[in-house]
Amino acid sequence: MSGPLLQVDSLRVTYGAPGRRVVEAVRGVSFEVLRGRCLGVVGESGSGKSTLARAVLGLEERVDGRIEFDGREVLRMGRAEIRAFRRRAQMVFQDPMGSLNPRLKAGAALAEVRRVHGLAKTRREAAAQAADWLATVGLDAAYANRFPHELSGGQRQRVNLARALCVGAEFLIADEPVSALDVSVQAQILNLLKSLQETRGITWLLIGHDLAVMRQMADEVLVMKEGRIVERGPVDEVLARPAHSYTKELLSAAPSVRQALDRRAAERAV
């Protein structure tokens, strides 16, 4: 089935108690994410991109607008509908260590999620399923018996990915998923994300500030500043011919991206 999996219309998120100054973190944002595609959201710290990600999953309270997932309005879902929605839509956070329970081994973390959602009848079945999902993200069965502190940063992020996928998620929001990792590990995780998109048809909303990552991963990109979208379009077009001054500033601060685009233009001219 083609078409958008997620549609967001005039989304606003505000902070502040009654009688106090109200801060509008997201200001009338509209976009859609097509099935099996990756939409990148880029902007500096404080631009509203992470707040946007949480709002899409129903994790923000003061939200106005419309969020439609596979034809259903998220902000009007009842408890049972929200539970089903959060099996299909999951988030992968920036800090791999902080996202895991330090008292649970990797296999137990996945098995717990499977049992909570009624996807495994027994502990033994849940443990076997956990091992299978670890294999899906490139970790062998031995890692199931390791605590988070016994894993590297990249291995922890693989566990987080497995935990998100093991409930049947088809839409993942990745909020700066490699920024806390060593440069040598970042490429491995990005290649894994790309492989999951291609082999499992995963739809992504990728939040970040690294334009090099966006160029590698995203099909389209939104540029956010002060809670608003200031530019959008196919990622290669936006990065090669930025129209907004803010996008140009982001690009100038990322020389590796600018150099790569210049090399690509030079190769085409030959």
C-alpha atoms as a PDB file:
ATOM      1  CA  MET A   1       0.000   0.000   0.000  1.00  0.00           C
ATOM      2  CA  SER A   2       1.493   3.344  -1.052  1.00  0.00           C
ATOM      3  CA  GLY A   3       0.781   6.844   0.185  1.00  0.00           C
ATOM      4  CA  PRO A   4       1.526   8.574   3.484  1.00  0.00           C
ATOM      5  CA  LEU A   5       1.699   6.551   6.688  1.00  0.00           C
ATOM      6  CA  LEU A   6       1.879   9.705   8.811  1.00  0.00           C
ATOM      7  CA  GLN A   7       0.207  13.045   8.133  1.00  0.00           C
ATOM      8  CA  VAL A   8       0.668  16.057  10.394  1.00  0.00           C
ATOM      9  CA  ASP A   9      -1.349  19.227   9.905  1.00  0.00           C
ATOM     10  CA  SER A  10      -0.949  22.583  11.689  1.00  0.00           C
ATOM     11  CA  LEU A  11       0.743  21.008  14.704  1.00  0.00           C
ATOM     12  CA  ARG A  12       1.401  23.280  17.672  1.00  0.00           C
ATOM     13  CA  VAL A  13       3.028  22.403  20.997  1.00  0.00           C
ATOM     14  CA  THR A  14       3.104  24.909  23.862  1.00  0.00           C
ATOM     15  CA  TYR A  15       4.714  24.994  27.307  1.00  0.00           C
ATOM     16  CA  GLY A  16       3.820  27.146  30.290  1.00  0.00           C
ATOM     17  CA  ALA A  17       1.303  27.181  33.138  1.00  0.00           C
ATOM     18  CA  PRO A  18      -1.840  29.364  33.065  1.00  0.00           C
ATOM     19  CA  GLY A  19      -1.030  32.936  33.971  1.00  0.00           C
ATOM     20  CA  ARG A  20       2.603  32.558  33.020  1.00  0.00           C
ATOM     21  CA  ARG A  21       4.512  33.161  29.804  1.00  0.00           C
ATOM     22  CA  VAL A  22       3.577  30.549  27.211  1.00  0.00           C
ATOM     23  CA  VAL A  23       6.329  29.225  24.953  1.00  0.00           C
ATOM     24  CA  GLU A  24       5.297  27.817  21.588  1.00  0.00           C
ATOM     25  CA  ALA A  25       7.903  25.136  20.835  1.00  0.00           C
ATOM     26  CA  VAL A  26       6.283  23.936  17.590  1.00  0.00           C
ATOM     27  CA  ARG A  27       4.386  26.480  15.501  1.00  0.00           C
ATOM     28  CA  GLY A  28       1.909  25.263  12.927  1.00  0.00           C
ATOM     29  CA  VAL A  29       4.012  22.487  11.383  1.00  0.00           C
ATOM     30  CA  SER A  30       2.553  20.376   8.550  1.00  0.00           C
ATOM     31  CA  PHE A  31       4.155  17.447   6.708  1.00  0.00           C
ATOM     32  CA  GLU A  32       3.689  13.811   5.690  1.00  0.00           C
ATOM     33  CA  VAL A  33       5.872  10.710   5.674  1.00  0.00           C
ATOM     34  CA  LEU A  34       5.382   8.249   2.825  1.00  0.00           C
ATOM     35  CA  ARG A  35       5.416   4.521   3.554  1.00  0.00           C
ATOM     36  CA  GLY A  36       8.853   2.974   3.362  1.00  0.00           C
ATOM     37  CA  ARG A  37      10.574   6.348   3.128  1.00  0.00           C
ATOM     38  CA  CYS A  38      12.776   8.378   5.454  1.00  0.00           C
ATOM     39  CA  LEU A  39      11.919  11.978   6.243  1.00  0.00           C
ATOM     40  CA  GLY A  40      14.715  13.940   7.896  1.00  0.00           C
ATOM     41  CA  VAL A  41      14.057  16.832  10.271  1.00  0.00           C
ATOM     42  CA  VAL A  42      17.124  19.011  10.757  1.00  0.00           C
ATOM     43  CA  GLY A  43      17.812  22.075  12.834  1.00  0.00           C
ATOM     44  CA  GLU A  44      19.983  23.411  15.617  1.00  0.00           C
ATOM     45  CA  SER A  45      19.327  22.779  19.314  1.00  0.00           C
ATOM     46  CA  GLY A  46      16.097  24.477  20.379  1.00  0.00           C
ATOM     47  CA  SER A  47      14.550  24.433  16.914  1.00  0.00           C
ATOM     48  CA  GLY A  48      11.666  22.230  18.100  1.00  0.00           C
ATOM     49  CA  LYS A  49      12.567  19.039  16.258  1.00  0.00           C
ATOM     50  CA  SER A  50      12.681  16.735  19.311  1.00  0.00           C
ATOM     51  CA  THR A  51       9.452  18.226  20.670  1.00  0.00           C
ATOM     52  CA  LEU A  52       7.906  17.513  17.289  1.00  0.00           C
ATOM     53  CA  ALA A  53       9.039  13.877  17.519  1.00  0.00           C
ATOM     54  CA  ARG A  54       7.500  13.402  20.976  1.00  0.00           C
ATOM     55  CA  ALA A  55       4.262  15.076  19.913  1.00  0.00           C
ATOM     56  CA  VAL A  56       3.857  12.692  16.970  1.00  0.00           C
ATOM     57  CA  LEU A  57       3.915   9.750  19.405  1.00  0.00           C
ATOM     58  CA  GLY A  58       1.430  11.416  21.740  1.00  0.00           C
ATOM     59  CA  LEU A  59       4.047  12.098  24.430  1.00  0.00           C
ATOM     60  CA  GLU A  60       3.342  15.833  24.723  1.00  0.00           C
ATOM     61  CA  GLU A  61       0.333  17.220  26.598  1.00  0.00           C
ATOM     62  CA  ARG A  62      -0.409  20.686  25.222  1.00  0.00           C
ATOM     63  CA  VAL A  63      -0.798  19.851  21.546  1.00  0.00           C
ATOM     64  CA  ASP A  64      -3.098  21.344  18.924  1.00  0.00           C
ATOM     65  CA  GLY A  65      -3.536  20.347  15.294  1.00  0.00           C
ATOM     66  CA  ARG A  66      -3.945  17.008  13.619  1.00  0.00           C
ATOM     67  CA  ILE A  67      -1.739  13.908  13.686  1.00  0.00           C
ATOM     68  CA  GLU A  68      -3.032  11.093  11.503  1.00  0.00           C
ATOM     69  CA  PHE A  69      -1.355   7.684  11.490  1.00  0.00           C
ATOM     70  CA  ASP A  70      -2.554   5.207   8.872  1.00  0.00           C
ATOM     71  CA  GLY A  71      -5.863   7.041   8.659  1.00  0.00           C
ATOM     72  CA  ARG A  72      -6.471   7.291  12.428  1.00  0.00           C
ATOM     73  CA  GLU A  73      -6.318  10.525  14.427  1.00  0.00           C
ATOM     74  CA  VAL A  74      -3.693  10.024  17.147  1.00  0.00           C
ATOM     75  CA  LEU A  75      -4.867  12.849  19.429  1.00  0.00           C
ATOM     76  CA  ARG A  76      -8.351  11.298  19.644  1.00  0.00           C
ATOM     77  CA  MET A  77      -7.323   7.717  20.309  1.00  0.00           C
ATOM     78  CA  GLY A  78      -8.591   5.932  23.411  1.00  0.00           C
ATOM     79  CA  ARG A  79      -6.357   3.902  25.708  1.00  0.00           C
ATOM     80  CA  ALA A  80      -6.642   0.660  23.721  1.00  0.00           C
ATOM     81  CA  GLU A  81      -6.005   2.445  20.421  1.00  0.00           C
ATOM     82  CA  ILE A  82      -2.958   4.233  21.829  1.00  0.00           C
ATOM     83  CA  ARG A  83      -1.547   0.913  23.034  1.00  0.00           C
ATOM     84  CA  ALA A  84      -1.942  -0.585  19.553  1.00  0.00           C
ATOM     85  CA  PHE A  85      -0.514   2.572  17.951  1.00  0.00           C
ATOM     86  CA  ARG A  86       2.601   2.445  20.122  1.00  0.00           C
ATOM     87  CA  ARG A  87       3.297  -1.085  18.975  1.00  0.00           C
ATOM     88  CA  ARG A  88       3.341   0.153  15.395  1.00  0.00           C
ATOM     89  CA  ALA A  89       5.202   3.420  16.119  1.00  0.00           C
ATOM     90  CA  GLN A  90       8.313   3.450  18.300  1.00  0.00           C
ATOM     91  CA  MET A  91      11.140   5.836  19.159  1.00  0.00           C
ATOM     92  CA  VAL A  92      14.882   5.269  19.251  1.00  0.00           C
ATOM     93  CA  PHE A  93      16.504   7.822  21.541  1.00  0.00           C
ATOM     94  CA  GLN A  94      19.826   9.623  21.354  1.00  0.00           C
ATOM     95  CA  ASP A  95      21.411   8.155  24.514  1.00  0.00           C
ATOM     96  CA  PRO A  96      21.717   4.365  24.150  1.00  0.00           C
ATOM     97  CA  MET A  97      22.705   3.855  27.788  1.00  0.00           C
ATOM     98  CA  GLY A  98      19.977   6.060  29.239  1.00  0.00           C
ATOM     99  CA  SER A  99      17.352   4.281  27.128  1.00  0.00           C
ATOM    100  CA  LEU A 100      18.007   0.883  28.732  1.00  0.00           C
ATOM    101  CA  ASN A 101      17.230  -0.426  32.202  1.00  0.00           C
ATOM    102  CA  PRO A 102      20.664  -0.983  33.810  1.00  0.00           C
ATOM    103  CA  ARG A 103      19.271  -3.898  35.841  1.00  0.00           C
ATOM    104  CA  LEU A 104      18.045  -5.855  32.837  1.00  0.00           C
ATOM    105  CA  LYS A 105      20.229  -7.906  30.529  1.00  0.00           C
ATOM    106  CA  ALA A 106      19.753  -7.258  26.825  1.00  0.00           C
ATOM    107  CA  GLY A 107      17.709 -10.412  26.238  1.00  0.00           C
ATOM    108  CA  ALA A 108      15.508  -9.729  29.256  1.00  0.00           C
ATOM    109  CA  ALA A 109      14.818  -6.183  28.039  1.00  0.00           C
ATOM    110  CA  LEU A 110      13.433  -7.527  24.773  1.00  0.00           C
ATOM    111  CA  ALA A 111      11.617 -10.446  26.393  1.00  0.00           C
ATOM    112  CA  GLU A 112       9.893  -8.074  28.822  1.00  0.00           C
ATOM    113  CA  VAL A 113       8.514  -5.983  25.962  1.00  0.00           C
ATOM    114  CA  ARG A 114       7.278  -9.092  24.114  1.00  0.00           C
ATOM    115  CA  ARG A 115       5.433 -10.340  27.199  1.00  0.00           C
ATOM    116  CA  VAL A 116       3.946  -6.949  28.133  1.00  0.00           C
ATOM    117  CA  HIS A 117       2.385  -6.706  24.680  1.00  0.00           C
ATOM    118  CA  GLY A 118       1.122 -10.291  24.767  1.00  0.00           C
ATOM    119  CA  LEU A 119       3.437 -11.425  21.969  1.00  0.00           C
ATOM    120  CA  ALA A 120       4.936 -14.312  23.960  1.00  0.00           C
ATOM    121  CA  LYS A 121       3.080 -16.761  26.209  1.00  0.00           C
ATOM    122  CA  THR A 122       5.967 -17.997  28.327  1.00  0.00           C
ATOM    123  CA  ARG A 123       9.331 -16.738  29.531  1.00  0.00           C
ATOM    124  CA  ARG A 124      11.093 -19.381  27.462  1.00  0.00           C
ATOM    125  CA  GLU A 125       9.253 -18.318  24.312  1.00  0.00           C
ATOM    126  CA  ALA A 126      10.001 -14.667  25.010  1.00  0.00           C
ATOM    127  CA  ALA A 127      13.711 -15.439  25.520  1.00  0.00           C
ATOM    128  CA  ALA A 128      13.895 -17.329  22.218  1.00  0.00           C
ATOM    129  CA  GLN A 129      12.178 -14.468  20.409  1.00  0.00           C
ATOM    130  CA  ALA A 130      14.575 -11.974  22.012  1.00  0.00           C
ATOM    131  CA  ALA A 131      17.549 -13.898  20.631  1.00  0.00           C
ATOM    132  CA  ASP A 132      16.002 -13.820  17.155  1.00  0.00           C
ATOM    133  CA  TRP A 133      15.516 -10.060  17.310  1.00  0.00           C
ATOM    134  CA  LEU A 134      19.067  -9.501  18.504  1.00  0.00           C
ATOM    135  CA  ALA A 135      20.225 -11.451  15.460  1.00  0.00           C
ATOM    136  CA  THR A 136      18.121  -9.120  13.287  1.00  0.00           C
ATOM    137  CA  VAL A 137      20.267  -6.173  14.385  1.00  0.00           C
ATOM    138  CA  GLY A 138      23.564  -8.036  14.079  1.00  0.00           C
ATOM    139  CA  LEU A 139      24.119  -9.308  17.629  1.00  0.00           C
ATOM    140  CA  ASP A 140      24.593 -13.004  18.357  1.00  0.00           C
ATOM    141  CA  ALA A 141      22.805 -14.880  21.139  1.00  0.00           C
ATOM    142  CA  ALA A 142      25.641 -14.368  23.653  1.00  0.00           C
ATOM    143  CA  TYR A 143      24.764 -10.675  23.927  1.00  0.00           C
ATOM    144  CA  ALA A 144      21.395 -11.572  25.442  1.00  0.00           C
ATOM    145  CA  ASN A 145      23.210 -12.293  28.726  1.00  0.00           C
ATOM    146  CA  ARG A 146      24.984  -8.945  28.957  1.00  0.00           C
ATOM    147  CA  PHE A 147      23.944  -5.938  31.004  1.00  0.00           C
ATOM    148  CA  PRO A 148      23.981  -2.512  29.313  1.00  0.00           C
ATOM    149  CA  HIS A 149      27.257  -1.519  31.003  1.00  0.00           C
ATOM    150  CA  GLU A 150      28.887  -4.603  29.446  1.00  0.00           C
ATOM    151  CA  LEU A 151      28.010  -3.432  25.931  1.00  0.00           C
ATOM    152  CA  SER A 152      29.618  -0.791  23.730  1.00  0.00           C
ATOM    153  CA  GLY A 153      27.643   2.263  22.670  1.00  0.00           C
ATOM    154  CA  GLY A 154      26.946   0.798  19.239  1.00  0.00           C
ATOM    155  CA  GLN A 155      25.828  -2.516  20.739  1.00  0.00           C
ATOM    156  CA  ARG A 156      23.463  -0.713  23.118  1.00  0.00           C
ATOM    157  CA  GLN A 157      21.910   1.183  20.219  1.00  0.00           C
ATOM    158  CA  ARG A 158      21.430  -2.117  18.376  1.00  0.00           C
ATOM    159  CA  VAL A 159      19.600  -3.451  21.434  1.00  0.00           C
ATOM    160  CA  ASN A 160      17.405  -0.340  21.433  1.00  0.00           C
ATOM    161  CA  LEU A 161      16.605  -0.903  17.771  1.00  0.00           C
ATOM    162  CA  ALA A 162      15.771  -4.553  18.430  1.00  0.00           C
ATOM    163  CA  ARG A 163      13.501  -3.556  21.315  1.00  0.00           C
ATOM    164  CA  ALA A 164      11.623  -1.112  19.086  1.00  0.00           C
ATOM    165  CA  LEU A 165      11.261  -3.594  16.247  1.00  0.00           C
ATOM    166  CA  CYS A 166      10.320  -6.625  18.325  1.00  0.00           C
ATOM    167  CA  VAL A 167       6.789  -5.351  18.988  1.00  0.00           C
ATOM    168  CA  GLY A 168       6.103  -5.121  15.266  1.00  0.00           C
ATOM    169  CA  ALA A 169       6.936  -1.455  14.737  1.00  0.00           C
ATOM    170  CA  GLU A 170       6.648  -0.268  11.149  1.00  0.00           C
ATOM    171  CA  PHE A 171       7.276   3.419  11.875  1.00  0.00           C
ATOM    172  CA  LEU A 172      10.351   4.520  13.818  1.00  0.00           C
ATOM    173  CA  ILE A 173      11.313   7.951  15.045  1.00  0.00           C
ATOM    174  CA  ALA A 174      15.090   8.102  15.471  1.00  0.00           C
ATOM    175  CA  ASP A 175      16.089  11.133  17.550  1.00  0.00           C
ATOM    176  CA  GLU A 176      19.806  11.795  16.934  1.00  0.00           C
ATOM    177  CA  PRO A 177      20.439   7.999  16.942  1.00  0.00           C
ATOM    178  CA  VAL A 178      24.202   8.162  16.279  1.00  0.00           C
ATOM    179  CA  SER A 179      25.301  11.493  17.748  1.00  0.00           C
ATOM    180  CA  ALA A 180      26.374   9.883  21.052  1.00  0.00           C
ATOM    181  CA  LEU A 181      28.454   7.199  19.286  1.00  0.00           C
ATOM    182  CA  ASP A 182      32.061   7.126  18.154  1.00  0.00           C
ATOM    183  CA  VAL A 183      32.564   8.149  14.535  1.00  0.00           C
ATOM    184  CA  SER A 184      33.787   4.652  13.651  1.00  0.00           C
ATOM    185  CA  VAL A 185      30.531   3.151  14.948  1.00  0.00           C
ATOM    186  CA  GLN A 186      28.165   5.719  13.464  1.00  0.00           C
ATOM    187  CA  ALA A 187      28.523   4.351   9.919  1.00  0.00           C
ATOM    188  CA  GLN A 188      27.713   0.822  11.114  1.00  0.00           C
ATOM    189  CA  ILE A 189      24.484   1.930  12.795  1.00  0.00           C
ATOM    190  CA  LEU A 190      23.472   4.096   9.826  1.00  0.00           C
ATOM    191  CA  ASN A 191      24.039   1.161   7.455  1.00  0.00           C
ATOM    192  CA  LEU A 192      21.889  -0.992   9.735  1.00  0.00           C
ATOM    193  CA  LEU A 193      19.094   1.596   9.666  1.00  0.00           C
ATOM    194  CA  LYS A 194      19.273   1.755   5.884  1.00  0.00           C
ATOM    195  CA  SER A 195      19.181  -2.032   5.636  1.00  0.00           C
ATOM    196  CA  LEU A 196      16.101  -2.222   7.891  1.00  0.00           C
ATOM    197  CA  GLN A 197      14.350   0.322   5.706  1.00  0.00           C
ATOM    198  CA  GLU A 198      15.103  -1.678   2.565  1.00  0.00           C
ATOM    199  CA  THR A 199      14.472  -5.216   3.871  1.00  0.00           C
ATOM    200  CA  ARG A 200      11.568  -4.581   6.251  1.00  0.00           C
ATOM    201  CA  GLY A 201       9.937  -1.561   4.651  1.00  0.00           C
ATOM    202  CA  ILE A 202      10.406   0.507   7.801  1.00  0.00           C
ATOM    203  CA  THR A 203       9.211   4.112   7.612  1.00  0.00           C
ATOM    204  CA  TRP A 204      11.450   6.622   9.388  1.00  0.00           C
ATOM    205  CA  LEU A 205      11.286  10.078  10.863  1.00  0.00           C
ATOM    206  CA  LEU A 206      14.953  10.935  11.415  1.00  0.00           C
ATOM    207  CA  ILE A 207      15.696  13.827  13.773  1.00  0.00           C
ATOM    208  CA  GLY A 208      19.148  15.387  13.686  1.00  0.00           C
ATOM    209  CA  HIS A 209      21.480  18.275  13.067  1.00  0.00           C
ATOM    210  CA  ASP A 210      24.116  16.465  10.998  1.00  0.00           C
ATOM    211  CA  LEU A 211      23.521  17.213   7.333  1.00  0.00           C
ATOM    212  CA  ALA A 212      25.954  14.485   6.275  1.00  0.00           C
ATOM    213  CA  VAL A 213      23.720  11.916   8.008  1.00  0.00           C
ATOM    214  CA  MET A 214      20.640  13.412   6.368  1.00  0.00           C
ATOM    215  CA  ARG A 215      22.244  13.211   2.936  1.00  0.00           C
ATOM    216  CA  GLN A 216      23.008   9.526   3.495  1.00  0.00           C
ATOM    217  CA  MET A 217      19.723   8.468   5.076  1.00  0.00           C
ATOM    218  CA  ALA A 218      16.815  10.732   4.166  1.00  0.00           C
ATOM    219  CA  ASP A 219      14.700  10.857   1.019  1.00  0.00           C
ATOM    220  CA  GLU A 220      13.273  14.257   1.935  1.00  0.00           C
ATOM    221  CA  VAL A 221      14.254  16.806   4.552  1.00  0.00           C
ATOM    222  CA  LEU A 222      12.513  19.486   6.603  1.00  0.00           C
ATOM    223  CA  VAL A 223      14.593  22.341   7.988  1.00  0.00           C
ATOM    224  CA  MET A 224      13.256  23.721  11.286  1.00  0.00           C
ATOM    225  CA  LYS A 225      14.034  27.004  12.978  1.00  0.00           C
ATOM    226  CA  GLU A 226      12.309  28.379  16.095  1.00  0.00           C
ATOM    227  CA  GLY A 227       9.511  25.836  15.865  1.00  0.00           C
ATOM    228  CA  ARG A 228       8.688  26.414  12.196  1.00  0.00           C
ATOM    229  CA  ILE A 229       9.579  24.686   8.936  1.00  0.00           C
ATOM    230  CA  VAL A 230      11.615  27.130   6.869  1.00  0.00           C
ATOM    231  CA  GLU A 231      12.500  24.804   3.991  1.00  0.00           C
ATOM    232  CA  ARG A 232      11.566  21.351   2.699  1.00  0.00           C
ATOM    233  CA  GLY A 233      12.155  19.129  -0.291  1.00  0.00           C
ATOM    234  CA  PRO A 234      14.161  16.179  -1.644  1.00  0.00           C
ATOM    235  CA  VAL A 235      17.341  15.994   0.404  1.00  0.00           C
ATOM    236  CA  ASP A 236      19.775  16.311  -2.518  1.00  0.00           C
ATOM    237  CA  GLU A 237      17.970  19.372  -3.867  1.00  0.00           C
ATOM    238  CA  VAL A 238      17.764  21.134  -0.504  1.00  0.00           C
ATOM    239  CA  LEU A 239      21.432  20.528   0.272  1.00  0.00           C
ATOM    240  CA  ALA A 240      22.682  21.324  -3.232  1.00  0.00           C
ATOM    241  CA  ARG A 241      20.527  24.438  -3.747  1.00  0.00           C
ATOM    242  CA  PRO A 242      19.359  25.736  -0.345  1.00  0.00           C
ATOM    243  CA  ALA A 243      16.809  28.514  -0.696  1.00  0.00           C
ATOM    244  CA  HIS A 244      16.563  29.753   2.897  1.00  0.00           C
ATOM    245  CA  SER A 245      19.380  31.656   4.575  1.00  0.00           C
ATOM    246  CA  TYR A 246      19.158  29.429   7.666  1.00  0.00           C
ATOM    247  CA  THR A 247      19.670  26.287   5.569  1.00  0.00           C
ATOM    248  CA  LYS A 248      22.697  27.954   3.990  1.00  0.00           C
ATOM    249  CA  GLU A 249      24.071  28.669   7.472  1.00  0.00           C
ATOM    250  CA  LEU A 250      23.641  25.017   8.497  1.00  0.00           C
ATOM    251  CA  LEU A 251      25.323  23.889   5.308  1.00  0.00           C
ATOM    252  CA  SER A 252      28.261  26.258   5.690  1.00  0.00           C
ATOM    253  CA  ALA A 253      28.809  24.866   9.196  1.00  0.00           C
ATOM    254  CA  ALA A 254      29.112  21.355   7.747  1.00  0.00           C
ATOM    255  CA  PRO A 255      32.022  21.549   5.290  1.00  0.00           C
ATOM    256  CA  SER A 256      32.117  17.784   4.748  1.00  0.00           C
ATOM    257  CA  VAL A 257      28.648  17.944   3.218  1.00  0.00           C
ATOM    258  CA  ARG A 258      29.497  20.980   1.123  1.00  0.00           C
ATOM    259  CA  GLN A 259      32.646  19.294  -0.170  1.00  0.00           C
ATOM    260  CA  ALA A 260      30.780  16.100  -1.005  1.00  0.00           C
ATOM    261  CA  LEU A 261      28.161  18.046  -2.944  1.00  0.00           C
ATOM    262  CA  ASP A 262      30.843  19.973  -4.794  1.00  0.00           C
ATOM    263  CA  ARG A 263      32.601  16.716  -5.738  1.00  0.00           C
ATOM    264  CA  ARG A 264      29.320  15.243  -6.972  1.00  0.00           C
ATOM    265  CA  ALA A 265      28.664  18.344  -9.118  1.00  0.00           C
ATOM    266  CA  ALA A 266      32.184  18.170 -10.541  1.00  0.00           C
ATOM    267  CA  GLU A 267      31.799  14.471 -11.421  1.00  0.00           C
ATOM    268  CA  ARG A 268      28.543  15.158 -13.276  1.00  0.00           C
ATOM    269  CA  ALA A 269      30.208  17.952 -15.266  1.00  0.00           C
ATOM    270  CA  VAL A 270      32.955  15.650 -16.572  1.00  0.00           C
END
